[in-house]
């Protein structure tokens, strides 16, 4: 399944729950979605709290899925093509240096649809 398909599936879910309605208990605003994304990311971190061991795979998978769904929804509501944004950022990062590491020798090699 592609990113656009996941976004559409998430959109169908949000629509089915009525969360796009003006009187929704979970209004899909940029602020609310950004906060929810951060909260879910913290829940990923919580799985590692007090342990250096990898957390239970199903629990981690569930939290990562929550993070992904909020990220997709935030991008959708903000009218951001997340796939294009990720590819653009990777192209920029190929040219960056971190801690003395030189830029990558080649640019991002992706197939464009």
N, C-alpha and C. Protein backbone atom coordinates (compact mmCIF):
# COMPACT_ATOMS: atom_id res chain seq x y z
N UNK A 1 0.85 -1.18 0.00
CA UNK A 1 0.00 0.00 0.00
C UNK A 1 0.90 1.24 0.00
N UNK A 2 0.55 2.20 -0.80
CA UNK A 2 1.33 3.43 -0.90
C UNK A 2 0.86 4.46 0.12
N UNK A 3 1.68 5.49 0.30
CA UNK A 3 1.38 6.54 1.25
C UNK A 3 0.02 7.19 0.99
N UNK A 4 -0.29 7.44 -0.27
CA UNK A 4 -1.57 8.06 -0.60
C UNK A 4 -2.73 7.14 -0.24
N UNK A 5 -2.53 5.83 -0.39
CA UNK A 5 -3.58 4.87 -0.04
C UNK A 5 -3.79 4.83 1.48
N UNK A 6 -2.69 4.89 2.23
CA UNK A 6 -2.80 4.94 3.69
C UNK A 6 -3.51 6.21 4.13
N UNK A 7 -3.19 7.32 3.48
CA UNK A 7 -3.85 8.58 3.81
C UNK A 7 -5.35 8.50 3.53
N UNK A 8 -5.72 7.91 2.42
CA UNK A 8 -7.13 7.76 2.09
C UNK A 8 -7.84 6.84 3.08
N UNK A 9 -7.19 5.76 3.49
CA UNK A 9 -7.78 4.85 4.47
C UNK A 9 -7.98 5.58 5.80
N UNK A 10 -6.98 6.36 6.22
CA UNK A 10 -7.09 7.14 7.45
C UNK A 10 -8.22 8.16 7.33
N UNK A 11 -8.34 8.80 6.18
CA UNK A 11 -9.37 9.79 5.94
C UNK A 11 -10.76 9.16 6.03
N UNK A 12 -10.92 7.96 5.48
CA UNK A 12 -12.21 7.26 5.58
C UNK A 12 -12.56 6.97 7.04
N UNK A 13 -11.56 6.58 7.83
CA UNK A 13 -11.77 6.31 9.25
C UNK A 13 -12.22 7.57 9.99
N UNK A 14 -11.51 8.68 9.78
CA UNK A 14 -11.84 9.94 10.44
C UNK A 14 -13.24 10.39 10.03
N UNK A 15 -13.57 10.25 8.77
CA UNK A 15 -14.90 10.60 8.28
C UNK A 15 -15.96 9.72 8.95
N UNK A 16 -15.71 8.42 9.01
CA UNK A 16 -16.66 7.48 9.61
C UNK A 16 -16.91 7.80 11.09
N UNK A 17 -15.90 8.27 11.78
CA UNK A 17 -16.03 8.63 13.19
C UNK A 17 -16.70 9.99 13.38
N UNK A 18 -16.83 10.77 12.30
CA UNK A 18 -17.46 12.09 12.39
C UNK A 18 -16.56 13.17 12.94
N UNK A 19 -15.25 12.93 12.90
CA UNK A 19 -14.31 13.88 13.50
C UNK A 19 -14.05 15.11 12.65
N UNK A 20 -14.58 15.14 11.42
CA UNK A 20 -14.48 16.35 10.60
C UNK A 20 -15.66 17.29 10.87
N UNK A 21 -16.64 16.83 11.59
CA UNK A 21 -17.83 17.64 11.88
C UNK A 21 -17.46 18.80 12.82
N UNK A 22 -18.10 19.96 12.64
CA UNK A 22 -17.77 21.13 13.47
C UNK A 22 -17.96 20.89 14.98
N UNK A 23 -18.90 20.03 15.36
CA UNK A 23 -19.17 19.78 16.77
C UNK A 23 -18.46 18.53 17.28
N UNK A 24 -17.46 18.06 16.57
CA UNK A 24 -16.75 16.84 16.93
C UNK A 24 -16.01 17.00 18.25
N UNK A 25 -16.00 15.94 19.08
CA UNK A 25 -15.19 15.98 20.30
C UNK A 25 -13.69 15.88 20.00
N UNK A 26 -13.36 15.55 18.77
CA UNK A 26 -11.96 15.46 18.33
C UNK A 26 -11.75 16.28 17.06
N UNK A 27 -11.84 17.61 17.17
CA UNK A 27 -11.69 18.46 15.99
C UNK A 27 -10.32 18.27 15.34
N UNK A 28 -10.32 18.13 14.04
CA UNK A 28 -9.10 17.86 13.29
C UNK A 28 -8.38 19.15 12.91
N UNK A 29 -7.95 19.89 13.92
CA UNK A 29 -7.21 21.13 13.67
C UNK A 29 -5.72 20.83 13.65
N UNK A 30 -4.96 21.72 13.04
CA UNK A 30 -3.51 21.52 13.00
C UNK A 30 -2.92 21.41 14.40
N UNK A 31 -3.35 22.28 15.30
CA UNK A 31 -2.83 22.24 16.68
C UNK A 31 -3.16 20.92 17.36
N UNK A 32 -4.41 20.49 17.24
CA UNK A 32 -4.81 19.24 17.89
C UNK A 32 -4.05 18.04 17.32
N UNK A 33 -3.88 18.03 16.02
CA UNK A 33 -3.16 16.92 15.39
C UNK A 33 -1.68 16.94 15.74
N UNK A 34 -1.07 18.12 15.78
CA UNK A 34 0.34 18.22 16.17
C UNK A 34 0.53 17.75 17.62
N UNK A 35 -0.38 18.15 18.50
CA UNK A 35 -0.30 17.72 19.89
C UNK A 35 -0.47 16.21 19.99
N UNK A 36 -1.44 15.68 19.27
CA UNK A 36 -1.68 14.24 19.30
C UNK A 36 -0.49 13.45 18.76
N UNK A 37 0.14 13.98 17.72
CA UNK A 37 1.34 13.34 17.17
C UNK A 37 2.44 13.27 18.22
N UNK A 38 2.66 14.36 18.92
CA UNK A 38 3.69 14.40 19.96
C UNK A 38 3.37 13.45 21.12
N UNK A 39 2.11 13.40 21.50
CA UNK A 39 1.69 12.51 22.58
C UNK A 39 1.93 11.05 22.19
N UNK A 40 1.56 10.70 20.97
CA UNK A 40 1.78 9.32 20.51
C UNK A 40 3.27 9.01 20.40
N UNK A 41 4.08 9.98 19.96
CA UNK A 41 5.52 9.76 19.90
C UNK A 41 6.09 9.53 21.30
N UNK A 42 5.55 10.24 22.27
CA UNK A 42 5.98 10.03 23.67
C UNK A 42 5.60 8.63 24.15
N UNK A 43 4.49 8.11 23.65
CA UNK A 43 4.09 6.75 24.02
C UNK A 43 5.06 5.71 23.43
N UNK A 44 5.65 6.02 22.28
CA UNK A 44 6.71 5.15 21.75
C UNK A 44 7.88 5.17 22.71
N UNK A 45 8.29 6.35 23.11
CA UNK A 45 9.41 6.48 24.03
C UNK A 45 9.13 5.81 25.37
N UNK A 46 7.90 5.90 25.82
CA UNK A 46 7.52 5.28 27.10
C UNK A 46 7.77 3.77 27.09
N UNK A 47 7.64 3.15 25.94
CA UNK A 47 7.89 1.71 25.86
C UNK A 47 9.35 1.36 26.17
N UNK A 48 10.25 2.31 25.98
CA UNK A 48 11.67 2.10 26.25
C UNK A 48 12.07 2.57 27.65
N UNK A 49 11.15 3.23 28.35
CA UNK A 49 11.47 3.80 29.66
C UNK A 49 11.93 2.70 30.61
N UNK A 50 13.03 2.94 31.27
CA UNK A 50 13.61 2.08 32.30
C UNK A 50 14.20 0.79 31.76
N UNK A 51 14.37 0.70 30.46
CA UNK A 51 14.93 -0.53 29.90
C UNK A 51 15.72 -0.21 28.64
N UNK A 52 16.80 -0.91 28.48
CA UNK A 52 17.59 -0.79 27.25
C UNK A 52 17.17 -1.87 26.25
N UNK A 53 16.27 -2.74 26.65
CA UNK A 53 15.80 -3.83 25.79
C UNK A 53 14.72 -3.33 24.84
N UNK A 54 14.61 -3.99 23.72
CA UNK A 54 13.55 -3.66 22.77
C UNK A 54 12.20 -3.99 23.40
N UNK A 55 11.22 -3.11 23.22
CA UNK A 55 9.91 -3.38 23.81
C UNK A 55 9.18 -4.49 23.04
N UNK A 56 8.10 -4.90 23.60
CA UNK A 56 7.23 -5.89 22.99
C UNK A 56 6.87 -5.43 21.57
N UNK A 57 7.12 -6.27 20.57
CA UNK A 57 6.90 -5.87 19.17
C UNK A 57 5.47 -5.44 18.87
N UNK A 58 4.44 -6.18 19.30
CA UNK A 58 3.07 -5.72 19.01
C UNK A 58 2.75 -4.36 19.64
N UNK A 59 3.25 -4.11 20.84
CA UNK A 59 3.00 -2.81 21.47
C UNK A 59 3.70 -1.70 20.71
N UNK A 60 4.95 -1.93 20.33
CA UNK A 60 5.69 -0.93 19.56
C UNK A 60 5.03 -0.71 18.21
N UNK A 61 4.61 -1.77 17.55
CA UNK A 61 3.94 -1.64 16.25
C UNK A 61 2.68 -0.80 16.37
N UNK A 62 1.91 -1.02 17.43
CA UNK A 62 0.69 -0.24 17.63
C UNK A 62 0.96 1.23 17.84
N UNK A 63 1.98 1.54 18.63
CA UNK A 63 2.31 2.95 18.87
C UNK A 63 2.88 3.60 17.62
N UNK A 64 3.71 2.88 16.87
CA UNK A 64 4.24 3.44 15.62
C UNK A 64 3.11 3.68 14.62
N UNK A 65 2.13 2.79 14.61
CA UNK A 65 0.97 2.99 13.73
C UNK A 65 0.21 4.25 14.14
N UNK A 66 0.03 4.47 15.45
CA UNK A 66 -0.64 5.69 15.92
C UNK A 66 0.11 6.94 15.47
N UNK A 67 1.44 6.92 15.61
CA UNK A 67 2.26 8.06 15.18
C UNK A 67 2.07 8.29 13.68
N UNK A 68 2.10 7.23 12.91
CA UNK A 68 1.96 7.34 11.46
C UNK A 68 0.61 7.91 11.07
N UNK A 69 -0.45 7.43 11.72
CA UNK A 69 -1.79 7.92 11.40
C UNK A 69 -1.93 9.41 11.70
N UNK A 70 -1.41 9.85 12.84
CA UNK A 70 -1.48 11.28 13.15
C UNK A 70 -0.62 12.10 12.19
N UNK A 71 0.53 11.56 11.80
CA UNK A 71 1.38 12.26 10.84
C UNK A 71 0.68 12.41 9.49
N UNK A 72 0.07 11.33 9.03
CA UNK A 72 -0.67 11.39 7.76
C UNK A 72 -1.81 12.39 7.84
N UNK A 73 -2.53 12.40 8.95
CA UNK A 73 -3.67 13.31 9.10
C UNK A 73 -3.20 14.76 9.18
N UNK A 74 -2.13 14.99 9.91
CA UNK A 74 -1.59 16.35 10.02
C UNK A 74 -1.17 16.86 8.64
N UNK A 75 -0.48 16.04 7.87
CA UNK A 75 -0.07 16.44 6.52
C UNK A 75 -1.29 16.69 5.64
N UNK A 76 -2.31 15.85 5.76
CA UNK A 76 -3.52 16.01 4.94
C UNK A 76 -4.21 17.32 5.25
N UNK A 77 -4.41 17.60 6.53
CA UNK A 77 -5.12 18.82 6.94
C UNK A 77 -4.30 20.06 6.57
N UNK A 78 -2.98 19.95 6.60
CA UNK A 78 -2.10 21.07 6.24
C UNK A 78 -1.87 21.17 4.73
N UNK A 79 -2.46 20.28 3.97
CA UNK A 79 -2.32 20.26 2.50
C UNK A 79 -0.85 20.10 2.09
N UNK A 80 -0.17 19.18 2.76
CA UNK A 80 1.23 18.88 2.46
C UNK A 80 1.31 17.51 1.82
N UNK A 81 1.97 17.43 0.67
CA UNK A 81 2.24 16.16 0.03
C UNK A 81 3.41 15.54 0.78
N UNK A 82 3.09 14.63 1.68
CA UNK A 82 4.11 14.08 2.58
C UNK A 82 5.18 13.30 1.82
N UNK A 83 4.77 12.58 0.80
CA UNK A 83 5.75 11.83 0.01
C UNK A 83 6.76 12.78 -0.63
N UNK A 84 6.27 13.86 -1.24
CA UNK A 84 7.17 14.84 -1.86
C UNK A 84 8.04 15.52 -0.80
N UNK A 85 7.45 15.83 0.35
CA UNK A 85 8.21 16.49 1.42
C UNK A 85 9.34 15.59 1.92
N UNK A 86 9.08 14.30 2.07
CA UNK A 86 10.11 13.37 2.53
C UNK A 86 11.23 13.26 1.50
N UNK A 87 10.86 13.12 0.25
CA UNK A 87 11.88 13.02 -0.80
C UNK A 87 12.71 14.29 -0.91
N UNK A 88 12.05 15.45 -0.79
CA UNK A 88 12.78 16.73 -0.81
C UNK A 88 13.75 16.81 0.37
N UNK A 89 13.30 16.40 1.53
CA UNK A 89 14.16 16.46 2.72
C UNK A 89 15.34 15.51 2.60
N UNK A 90 15.11 14.32 2.03
CA UNK A 90 16.23 13.40 1.82
C UNK A 90 17.26 13.99 0.87
N UNK A 91 16.78 14.67 -0.18
CA UNK A 91 17.71 15.31 -1.12
C UNK A 91 18.56 16.37 -0.41
N UNK A 92 17.94 17.16 0.45
CA UNK A 92 18.66 18.16 1.23
C UNK A 92 19.65 17.48 2.17
N UNK A 93 19.20 16.42 2.84
CA UNK A 93 20.07 15.75 3.82
C UNK A 93 21.28 15.08 3.19
N UNK A 94 21.17 14.67 1.93
CA UNK A 94 22.33 14.09 1.25
C UNK A 94 23.46 15.11 1.17
N UNK A 95 23.14 16.39 1.16
CA UNK A 95 24.15 17.44 1.03
C UNK A 95 24.64 17.97 2.37
N UNK A 96 24.02 17.54 3.45
CA UNK A 96 24.37 18.05 4.78
C UNK A 96 25.52 17.27 5.41
N UNK A 97 26.14 17.91 6.38
CA UNK A 97 27.17 17.26 7.19
C UNK A 97 26.70 17.19 8.63
N UNK A 98 27.00 16.09 9.28
CA UNK A 98 26.73 15.94 10.70
C UNK A 98 28.01 15.47 11.37
N UNK A 99 28.40 16.17 12.40
CA UNK A 99 29.57 15.78 13.19
C UNK A 99 30.78 15.44 12.33
N UNK A 100 31.02 16.25 11.30
CA UNK A 100 32.19 16.05 10.46
C UNK A 100 32.01 14.99 9.38
N UNK A 101 30.86 14.38 9.30
CA UNK A 101 30.62 13.41 8.23
C UNK A 101 30.38 14.16 6.93
N UNK A 102 31.10 13.83 5.89
CA UNK A 102 30.92 14.57 4.63
C UNK A 102 29.57 14.27 4.00
N UNK A 103 29.14 15.14 3.10
CA UNK A 103 27.91 14.86 2.36
C UNK A 103 28.02 13.52 1.63
N UNK A 104 26.88 12.91 1.35
CA UNK A 104 26.88 11.64 0.62
C UNK A 104 27.47 11.85 -0.77
N UNK A 105 28.08 10.81 -1.30
CA UNK A 105 28.73 10.91 -2.60
C UNK A 105 27.76 11.02 -3.75
N UNK A 106 26.54 10.60 -3.55
CA UNK A 106 25.56 10.69 -4.62
C UNK A 106 24.26 11.25 -4.06
N UNK A 107 23.44 11.73 -4.96
CA UNK A 107 22.14 12.26 -4.57
C UNK A 107 21.16 11.11 -4.38
N UNK A 108 20.03 11.41 -3.83
CA UNK A 108 18.97 10.43 -3.64
C UNK A 108 18.55 9.83 -4.97
N UNK A 109 18.57 8.55 -5.04
CA UNK A 109 18.19 7.84 -6.28
C UNK A 109 16.82 7.21 -6.05
N UNK A 110 15.77 7.90 -6.53
CA UNK A 110 14.40 7.38 -6.38
C UNK A 110 13.72 7.38 -7.73
N UNK A 111 12.81 6.46 -7.84
CA UNK A 111 11.99 6.43 -9.06
C UNK A 111 10.79 7.32 -8.83
N UNK A 112 10.58 8.25 -9.72
CA UNK A 112 9.42 9.12 -9.64
C UNK A 112 8.28 8.48 -10.42
N UNK A 113 7.07 8.54 -9.88
CA UNK A 113 5.89 7.99 -10.58
C UNK A 113 5.45 8.92 -11.67
